[in-house]
Amino acid sequence: MHQRLQPLTDINGVGSNRKHSFDYCLECLKSIHHETVPFMDSTTNMVSTPNDEQAHLLSLLGVAI
């Protein structure tokens, strides 16, 4: 993950001016949810829609939802 996120962190600033740290990226991705919802005789999978920043992180990681 560190290697794939490297392009983002390289252009991101240093010290307290840095927005994207590895921990920040993990926290950002944690808000994407997947739930299996039972309803009567079937189930439905619900996945939250990633925002632009999450979509960019997923793209760098090579992950598709």
PDB file of N, CA and C in Angstrom:
ATOM      1  N   MET A   1       0.826  -1.188   0.000  1.00  0.00           N
ATOM      2  CA  MET A   1       0.000   0.000   0.000  1.00  0.00           C
ATOM      3  C   MET A   1       0.871   1.253   0.000  1.00  0.00           C
ATOM      4  N   HIS A   2       1.944   1.217   0.787  1.00  0.00           N
ATOM      5  CA  HIS A   2       2.820   2.389   0.836  1.00  0.00           C
ATOM      6  C   HIS A   2       3.373   2.716  -0.549  1.00  0.00           C
ATOM      7  N   GLN A   3       3.787   1.696  -1.289  1.00  0.00           N
ATOM      8  CA  GLN A   3       4.354   1.922  -2.627  1.00  0.00           C
ATOM      9  C   GLN A   3       3.310   2.483  -3.577  1.00  0.00           C
ATOM     10  N   ARG A   4       2.111   1.952  -3.540  1.00  0.00           N
ATOM     11  CA  ARG A   4       1.072   2.410  -4.466  1.00  0.00           C
ATOM     12  C   ARG A   4       0.582   3.818  -4.129  1.00  0.00           C
ATOM     13  N   LEU A   5       0.659   4.201  -2.870  1.00  0.00           N
ATOM     14  CA  LEU A   5       0.241   5.550  -2.462  1.00  0.00           C
ATOM     15  C   LEU A   5       1.378   6.558  -2.554  1.00  0.00           C
ATOM     16  N   GLN A   6       2.572   6.106  -2.886  1.00  0.00           N
ATOM     17  CA  GLN A   6       3.748   6.969  -2.959  1.00  0.00           C
ATOM     18  C   GLN A   6       3.549   8.198  -3.859  1.00  0.00           C
ATOM     19  N   PRO A   7       2.941   8.069  -5.054  1.00  0.00           N
ATOM     20  CA  PRO A   7       2.754   9.270  -5.892  1.00  0.00           C
ATOM     21  C   PRO A   7       1.947  10.362  -5.182  1.00  0.00           C
ATOM     22  N   LEU A   8       1.006   9.980  -4.369  1.00  0.00           N
ATOM     23  CA  LEU A   8       0.182  10.937  -3.639  1.00  0.00           C
ATOM     24  C   LEU A   8       0.990  11.612  -2.540  1.00  0.00           C
ATOM     25  N   THR A   9       1.748  10.836  -1.799  1.00  0.00           N
ATOM     26  CA  THR A   9       2.501  11.414  -0.688  1.00  0.00           C
ATOM     27  C   THR A   9       3.727  12.192  -1.165  1.00  0.00           C
ATOM     28  N   ASP A  10       4.257  11.883  -2.336  1.00  0.00           N
ATOM     29  CA  ASP A  10       5.420  12.612  -2.864  1.00  0.00           C
ATOM     30  C   ASP A  10       5.088  14.065  -3.183  1.00  0.00           C
ATOM     31  N   ILE A  11       3.879  14.342  -3.649  1.00  0.00           N
ATOM     32  CA  ILE A  11       3.505  15.707  -4.061  1.00  0.00           C
ATOM     33  C   ILE A  11       2.710  16.422  -2.986  1.00  0.00           C
ATOM     34  N   ASN A  12       2.745  15.916  -1.795  1.00  0.00           N
ATOM     35  CA  ASN A  12       1.806  16.333  -0.771  1.00  0.00           C
ATOM     36  C   ASN A  12       2.314  17.327   0.247  1.00  0.00           C
ATOM     37  N   GLY A  13       3.568  17.695   0.244  1.00  0.00           N
ATOM     38  CA  GLY A  13       4.089  18.591   1.260  1.00  0.00           C
ATOM     39  C   GLY A  13       4.834  17.824   2.337  1.00  0.00           C
ATOM     40  N   VAL A  14       5.314  18.567   3.321  1.00  0.00           N
ATOM     41  CA  VAL A  14       6.080  17.951   4.401  1.00  0.00           C
ATOM     42  C   VAL A  14       5.592  18.462   5.750  1.00  0.00           C
ATOM     43  N   GLY A  15       5.931  17.722   6.781  1.00  0.00           N
ATOM     44  CA  GLY A  15       5.617  18.130   8.144  1.00  0.00           C
ATOM     45  C   GLY A  15       4.142  18.365   8.380  1.00  0.00           C
ATOM     46  N   SER A  16       3.833  19.451   9.078  1.00  0.00           N
ATOM     47  CA  SER A  16       2.441  19.741   9.422  1.00  0.00           C
ATOM     48  C   SER A  16       1.626  20.184   8.208  1.00  0.00           C
ATOM     49  N   ASN A  17       2.295  20.513   7.096  1.00  0.00           N
ATOM     50  CA  ASN A  17       1.591  20.896   5.873  1.00  0.00           C
ATOM     51  C   ASN A  17       1.133  19.689   5.066  1.00  0.00           C
ATOM     52  N   ARG A  18       1.545  18.505   5.486  1.00  0.00           N
ATOM     53  CA  ARG A  18       1.195  17.277   4.762  1.00  0.00           C
ATOM     54  C   ARG A  18      -0.251  16.907   5.056  1.00  0.00           C
ATOM     55  N   LYS A  19      -1.042  16.740   4.008  1.00  0.00           N
ATOM     56  CA  LYS A  19      -2.443  16.345   4.183  1.00  0.00           C
ATOM     57  C   LYS A  19      -2.571  14.833   4.183  1.00  0.00           C
ATOM     58  N   HIS A  20      -1.937  14.159   3.240  1.00  0.00           N
ATOM     59  CA  HIS A  20      -2.108  12.720   3.090  1.00  0.00           C
ATOM     60  C   HIS A  20      -0.960  11.966   3.739  1.00  0.00           C
ATOM     61  N   SER A  21      -1.261  11.321   4.825  1.00  0.00           N
ATOM     62  CA  SER A  21      -0.334  10.379   5.428  1.00  0.00           C
ATOM     63  C   SER A  21      -0.953   8.999   5.225  1.00  0.00           C
ATOM     64  N   PHE A  22      -0.191   7.976   5.505  1.00  0.00           N
ATOM     65  CA  PHE A  22      -0.729   6.627   5.369  1.00  0.00           C
ATOM     66  C   PHE A  22      -1.946   6.455   6.280  1.00  0.00           C
ATOM     67  N   ASP A  23      -1.836   6.945   7.515  1.00  0.00           N
ATOM     68  CA  ASP A  23      -2.964   6.836   8.457  1.00  0.00           C
ATOM     69  C   ASP A  23      -4.181   7.606   7.962  1.00  0.00           C
ATOM     70  N   TYR A  24      -3.955   8.786   7.389  1.00  0.00           N
ATOM     71  CA  TYR A  24      -5.070   9.571   6.846  1.00  0.00           C
ATOM     72  C   TYR A  24      -5.770   8.794   5.732  1.00  0.00           C
ATOM     73  N   CYS A  25      -4.995   8.175   4.859  1.00  0.00           N
ATOM     74  CA  CYS A  25      -5.566   7.397   3.750  1.00  0.00           C
ATOM     75  C   CYS A  25      -6.410   6.242   4.276  1.00  0.00           C
ATOM     76  N   LEU A  26      -5.917   5.549   5.291  1.00  0.00           N
ATOM     77  CA  LEU A  26      -6.685   4.453   5.877  1.00  0.00           C
ATOM     78  C   LEU A  26      -7.988   4.951   6.484  1.00  0.00           C
ATOM     79  N   GLU A  27      -7.929   6.068   7.202  1.00  0.00           N
ATOM     80  CA  GLU A  27      -9.146   6.632   7.804  1.00  0.00           C
ATOM     81  C   GLU A  27     -10.146   7.028   6.728  1.00  0.00           C
ATOM     82  N   CYS A  28      -9.652   7.599   5.659  1.00  0.00           N
ATOM     83  CA  CYS A  28     -10.517   8.011   4.551  1.00  0.00           C
ATOM     84  C   CYS A  28     -11.220   6.807   3.938  1.00  0.00           C
ATOM     85  N   LEU A  29     -10.493   5.717   3.752  1.00  0.00           N
ATOM     86  CA  LEU A  29     -11.064   4.521   3.134  1.00  0.00           C
ATOM     87  C   LEU A  29     -11.991   3.756   4.075  1.00  0.00           C
ATOM     88  N   LYS A  30     -11.819   3.935   5.385  1.00  0.00           N
ATOM     89  CA  LYS A  30     -12.661   3.232   6.349  1.00  0.00           C
ATOM     90  C   LYS A  30     -14.136   3.597   6.237  1.00  0.00           C
ATOM     91  N   SER A  31     -14.422   4.754   5.694  1.00  0.00           N
ATOM     92  CA  SER A  31     -15.825   5.177   5.633  1.00  0.00           C
ATOM     93  C   SER A  31     -16.578   4.579   4.443  1.00  0.00           C
ATOM     94  N   ILE A  32     -15.900   3.763   3.644  1.00  0.00           N
ATOM     95  CA  ILE A  32     -16.587   3.021   2.581  1.00  0.00           C
ATOM     96  C   ILE A  32     -17.169   1.764   3.223  1.00  0.00           C
ATOM     97  N   HIS A  33     -18.460   1.569   3.054  1.00  0.00           N
ATOM     98  CA  HIS A  33     -19.124   0.451   3.728  1.00  0.00           C
ATOM     99  C   HIS A  33     -19.749  -0.521   2.745  1.00  0.00           C
ATOM    100  N   HIS A  34     -19.753  -1.774   3.148  1.00  0.00           N
ATOM    101  CA  HIS A  34     -20.421  -2.839   2.407  1.00  0.00           C
ATOM    102  C   HIS A  34     -21.299  -3.587   3.397  1.00  0.00           C
ATOM    103  N   GLU A  35     -22.559  -3.729   3.061  1.00  0.00           N
ATOM    104  CA  GLU A  35     -23.484  -4.460   3.928  1.00  0.00           C
ATOM    105  C   GLU A  35     -24.303  -5.435   3.102  1.00  0.00           C
ATOM    106  N   THR A  36     -24.567  -6.577   3.681  1.00  0.00           N
ATOM    107  CA  THR A  36     -25.505  -7.524   3.097  1.00  0.00           C
ATOM    108  C   THR A  36     -26.796  -7.398   3.901  1.00  0.00           C
ATOM    109  N   VAL A  37     -27.855  -6.978   3.235  1.00  0.00           N
ATOM    110  CA  VAL A  37     -29.119  -6.704   3.906  1.00  0.00           C
ATOM    111  C   VAL A  37     -30.139  -7.784   3.555  1.00  0.00           C
ATOM    112  N   PRO A  38     -30.581  -8.543   4.558  1.00  0.00           N
ATOM    113  CA  PRO A  38     -31.620  -9.536   4.277  1.00  0.00           C
ATOM    114  C   PRO A  38     -32.980  -8.852   4.156  1.00  0.00           C
ATOM    115  N   PHE A  39     -33.744  -9.287   3.190  1.00  0.00           N
ATOM    116  CA  PHE A  39     -35.084  -8.746   3.011  1.00  0.00           C
ATOM    117  C   PHE A  39     -35.988  -9.861   2.521  1.00  0.00           C
ATOM    118  N   MET A  40     -36.922 -10.215   3.340  1.00  0.00           N
ATOM    119  CA  MET A  40     -37.847 -11.304   3.067  1.00  0.00           C
ATOM    120  C   MET A  40     -37.069 -12.569   2.710  1.00  0.00           C
ATOM    121  N   ASP A  41     -37.223 -13.095   1.496  1.00  0.00           N
ATOM    122  CA  ASP A  41     -36.541 -14.332   1.112  1.00  0.00           C
ATOM    123  C   ASP A  41     -35.260 -14.115   0.321  1.00  0.00           C
ATOM    124  N   SER A  42     -34.745 -12.905   0.298  1.00  0.00           N
ATOM    125  CA  SER A  42     -33.521 -12.649  -0.465  1.00  0.00           C
ATOM    126  C   SER A  42     -32.606 -11.713   0.320  1.00  0.00           C
ATOM    127  N   THR A  43     -31.450 -11.473  -0.234  1.00  0.00           N
ATOM    128  CA  THR A  43     -30.513 -10.518   0.361  1.00  0.00           C
ATOM    129  C   THR A  43     -30.057  -9.535  -0.714  1.00  0.00           C
ATOM    130  N   THR A  44     -29.675  -8.368  -0.270  1.00  0.00           N
ATOM    131  CA  THR A  44     -29.182  -7.333  -1.162  1.00  0.00           C
ATOM    132  C   THR A  44     -27.857  -6.831  -0.627  1.00  0.00           C
ATOM    133  N   ASN A  45     -26.887  -6.656  -1.507  1.00  0.00           N
ATOM    134  CA  ASN A  45     -25.602  -6.075  -1.129  1.00  0.00           C
ATOM    135  C   ASN A  45     -25.643  -4.582  -1.374  1.00  0.00           C
ATOM    136  N   MET A  46     -25.270  -3.830  -0.349  1.00  0.00           N
ATOM    137  CA  MET A  46     -25.234  -2.377  -0.466  1.00  0.00           C
ATOM    138  C   MET A  46     -23.803  -1.906  -0.222  1.00  0.00           C
ATOM    139  N   VAL A  47     -23.281  -1.110  -1.158  1.00  0.00           N
ATOM    140  CA  VAL A  47     -21.932  -0.560  -1.037  1.00  0.00           C
ATOM    141  C   VAL A  47     -22.049   0.950  -1.161  1.00  0.00           C
ATOM    142  N   SER A  48     -21.431   1.677  -0.220  1.00  0.00           N
ATOM    143  CA  SER A  48     -21.464   3.129  -0.315  1.00  0.00           C
ATOM    144  C   SER A  48     -20.673   3.584  -1.537  1.00  0.00           C
ATOM    145  N   THR A  49     -21.039   4.720  -2.064  1.00  0.00           N
ATOM    146  CA  THR A  49     -20.350   5.281  -3.228  1.00  0.00           C
ATOM    147  C   THR A  49     -19.148   6.096  -2.747  1.00  0.00           C
ATOM    148  N   PRO A  50     -17.944   5.743  -3.196  1.00  0.00           N
ATOM    149  CA  PRO A  50     -16.755   6.496  -2.772  1.00  0.00           C
ATOM    150  C   PRO A  50     -16.816   7.941  -3.271  1.00  0.00           C
ATOM    151  N   ASN A  51     -16.361   8.872  -2.411  1.00  0.00           N
ATOM    152  CA  ASN A  51     -16.252  10.258  -2.860  1.00  0.00           C
ATOM    153  C   ASN A  51     -15.022  10.386  -3.761  1.00  0.00           C
ATOM    154  N   ASP A  52     -14.771  11.575  -4.279  1.00  0.00           N
ATOM    155  CA  ASP A  52     -13.664  11.764  -5.230  1.00  0.00           C
ATOM    156  C   ASP A  52     -12.311  11.372  -4.635  1.00  0.00           C
ATOM    157  N   GLU A  53     -12.076  11.749  -3.391  1.00  0.00           N
ATOM    158  CA  GLU A  53     -10.795  11.434  -2.759  1.00  0.00           C
ATOM    159  C   GLU A  53     -10.647   9.928  -2.554  1.00  0.00           C
ATOM    160  N   GLN A  54     -11.696   9.274  -2.098  1.00  0.00           N
ATOM    161  CA  GLN A  54     -11.660   7.824  -1.924  1.00  0.00           C
ATOM    162  C   GLN A  54     -11.469   7.120  -3.264  1.00  0.00           C
ATOM    163  N   ALA A  55     -12.140   7.600  -4.299  1.00  0.00           N
ATOM    164  CA  ALA A  55     -12.002   7.010  -5.631  1.00  0.00           C
ATOM    165  C   ALA A  55     -10.556   7.126  -6.123  1.00  0.00           C
ATOM    166  N   HIS A  56      -9.931   8.261  -5.843  1.00  0.00           N
ATOM    167  CA  HIS A  56      -8.529   8.453  -6.247  1.00  0.00           C
ATOM    168  C   HIS A  56      -7.621   7.476  -5.495  1.00  0.00           C
ATOM    169  N   LEU A  57      -7.840   7.329  -4.198  1.00  0.00           N
ATOM    170  CA  LEU A  57      -7.047   6.387  -3.400  1.00  0.00           C
ATOM    171  C   LEU A  57      -7.239   4.967  -3.900  1.00  0.00           C
ATOM    172  N   LEU A  58      -8.475   4.584  -4.168  1.00  0.00           N
ATOM    173  CA  LEU A  58      -8.749   3.229  -4.675  1.00  0.00           C
ATOM    174  C   LEU A  58      -8.073   3.000  -6.029  1.00  0.00           C
ATOM    175  N   SER A  59      -8.068   4.039  -6.853  1.00  0.00           N
ATOM    176  CA  SER A  59      -7.421   3.946  -8.158  1.00  0.00           C
ATOM    177  C   SER A  59      -5.905   3.725  -8.000  1.00  0.00           C
ATOM    178  N   LEU A  60      -5.283   4.481  -7.104  1.00  0.00           N
ATOM    179  CA  LEU A  60      -3.849   4.299  -6.859  1.00  0.00           C
ATOM    180  C   LEU A  60      -3.548   2.908  -6.326  1.00  0.00           C
ATOM    181  N   LEU A  61      -4.469   2.361  -5.538  1.00  0.00           N
ATOM    182  CA  LEU A  61      -4.276   1.032  -4.964  1.00  0.00           C
ATOM    183  C   LEU A  61      -4.642  -0.079  -5.927  1.00  0.00           C
ATOM    184  N   GLY A  62      -5.279   0.276  -7.051  1.00  0.00           N
ATOM    185  CA  GLY A  62      -5.668  -0.732  -8.025  1.00  0.00           C
ATOM    186  C   GLY A  62      -6.872  -1.557  -7.575  1.00  0.00           C
ATOM    187  N   VAL A  63      -7.753  -0.922  -6.792  1.00  0.00           N
ATOM    188  CA  VAL A  63      -8.913  -1.600  -6.241  1.00  0.00           C
ATOM    189  C   VAL A  63     -10.165  -1.068  -6.920  1.00  0.00           C
ATOM    190  N   ALA A  64     -11.024  -1.972  -7.364  1.00  0.00           N
ATOM    191  CA  ALA A  64     -12.310  -1.594  -7.957  1.00  0.00           C
ATOM    192  C   ALA A  64     -13.428  -2.064  -7.041  1.00  0.00           C
ATOM    193  N   ILE A  65     -14.442  -1.245  -6.925  1.00  0.00           N
ATOM    194  CA  ILE A  65     -15.618  -1.626  -6.113  1.00  0.00           C
ATOM    195  C   ILE A  65     -16.777  -1.869  -7.058  1.00  0.00           C
TER     196      ILE A  65
END
